[in-house]
Amino acid sequence: TALAKEVFGETLNESRDPDRPPERYTARYYLKFNFLEQAFDRLSEAGFRMAACSSTGTCAFAPEQGGPADDKIWTSYTEYVFCRD
């Protein structure tokens, strides 16, 4: 948490739950950036480099009764790993 606060400062939001007591731990962090590149810039400025990246993506066609047959539903997940020497 301390490192995330050091790098991202006031742009780090520790929880979307405004009623969470300060003594409760959260593993959910959100950045207040509009673009992912802004977070990458902050990490670079703090001496981090991207060590790995993994991405998955799947596509499924929507049911014909729920909409046009050519509609596609995309699901994706991307993970970035940064390290600082």
Protein backbone atom coordinates (compact mmCIF):
# COMPACT_ATOMS: atom_id res chain seq x y z
CA THR A 1 0.00 0.00 0.00
CA ALA A 2 2.80 2.40 0.89
CA LEU A 3 4.51 1.84 -2.45
CA ALA A 4 1.27 2.37 -4.40
CA LYS A 5 0.68 5.60 -2.48
CA GLU A 6 4.27 6.69 -3.18
CA VAL A 7 3.88 6.17 -6.93
CA PHE A 8 0.29 7.25 -7.51
CA GLY A 9 -0.32 9.71 -4.65
CA GLU A 10 -3.76 11.29 -4.68
CA THR A 11 -4.75 9.44 -7.84
CA LEU A 12 -4.99 6.18 -5.86
CA ASN A 13 -8.45 5.33 -4.58
CA GLU A 14 -8.28 2.51 -2.04
CA SER A 15 -11.93 1.54 -2.21
CA ARG A 16 -15.21 2.38 -3.86
CA ASP A 17 -16.86 1.81 -0.48
CA PRO A 18 -17.07 5.22 1.24
CA ASP A 19 -18.33 3.62 4.47
CA ARG A 20 -15.30 1.33 4.94
CA PRO A 21 -13.69 1.99 8.33
CA PRO A 22 -10.02 3.03 8.02
CA GLU A 23 -8.84 0.01 10.02
CA ARG A 24 -10.31 -2.45 7.51
CA TYR A 25 -7.94 -3.85 4.91
CA THR A 26 -8.74 -3.69 1.22
CA ALA A 27 -7.03 -5.35 -1.71
CA ARG A 28 -9.07 -3.32 -4.19
CA TYR A 29 -7.32 -0.26 -5.54
CA TYR A 30 -8.54 2.04 -8.28
CA LEU A 31 -6.71 4.78 -10.14
CA LYS A 32 -8.46 8.01 -11.02
CA PHE A 33 -6.87 8.19 -14.48
CA ASN A 34 -8.86 8.30 -17.68
CA PHE A 35 -6.16 6.52 -19.68
CA LEU A 36 -4.02 3.51 -18.81
CA GLU A 37 -0.97 5.25 -20.26
CA GLN A 38 -1.12 7.81 -17.43
CA ALA A 39 -0.52 5.03 -14.90
CA PHE A 40 2.32 3.63 -17.01
CA ASP A 41 3.91 7.10 -17.11
CA ARG A 42 3.77 7.37 -13.31
CA LEU A 43 5.33 3.93 -12.92
CA SER A 44 8.11 4.83 -15.35
CA GLU A 45 8.81 8.12 -13.56
CA ALA A 46 9.14 6.14 -10.29
CA GLY A 47 11.76 3.83 -11.82
CA PHE A 48 9.56 0.87 -12.72
CA ARG A 49 9.74 -1.09 -15.95
CA MET A 50 7.28 -3.53 -17.45
CA ALA A 51 8.52 -7.06 -16.81
CA ALA A 52 5.64 -9.04 -18.28
CA CYS A 53 2.22 -8.76 -19.85
CA SER A 54 -0.47 -11.37 -20.30
CA SER A 55 -3.77 -11.00 -22.08
CA THR A 56 -6.74 -13.21 -22.83
CA GLY A 57 -9.73 -12.52 -25.00
CA THR A 58 -12.77 -14.50 -25.98
CA CYS A 59 -15.61 -13.75 -28.30
CA ALA A 60 -19.07 -15.27 -28.31
CA PHE A 61 -21.98 -14.54 -30.59
CA ALA A 62 -25.11 -13.18 -28.94
CA PRO A 63 -28.22 -15.37 -29.09
CA GLU A 64 -30.34 -14.68 -32.15
CA GLN A 65 -33.46 -13.96 -30.08
CA GLY A 66 -31.66 -11.37 -27.92
CA GLY A 67 -30.46 -9.23 -30.80
CA PRO A 68 -28.97 -9.30 -34.28
CA ALA A 69 -27.01 -12.46 -35.05
CA ASP A 70 -23.87 -10.47 -35.93
CA ASP A 71 -23.53 -8.91 -32.46
CA LYS A 72 -20.46 -10.15 -30.65
CA ILE A 73 -19.80 -10.19 -26.94
CA TRP A 74 -16.13 -9.69 -26.03
CA THR A 75 -14.55 -10.60 -22.73
CA SER A 76 -10.96 -9.72 -22.06
CA TYR A 77 -8.49 -9.62 -19.23
CA THR A 78 -5.03 -8.05 -19.30
CA GLU A 79 -2.42 -8.23 -16.57
CA TYR A 80 0.71 -6.08 -16.46
CA VAL A 81 3.67 -6.81 -14.18
CA PHE A 82 6.07 -4.01 -13.28
CA CYS A 83 9.29 -4.18 -11.27
CA ARG A 84 11.77 -1.68 -9.97
CA ASP A 85 15.46 -2.49 -9.77
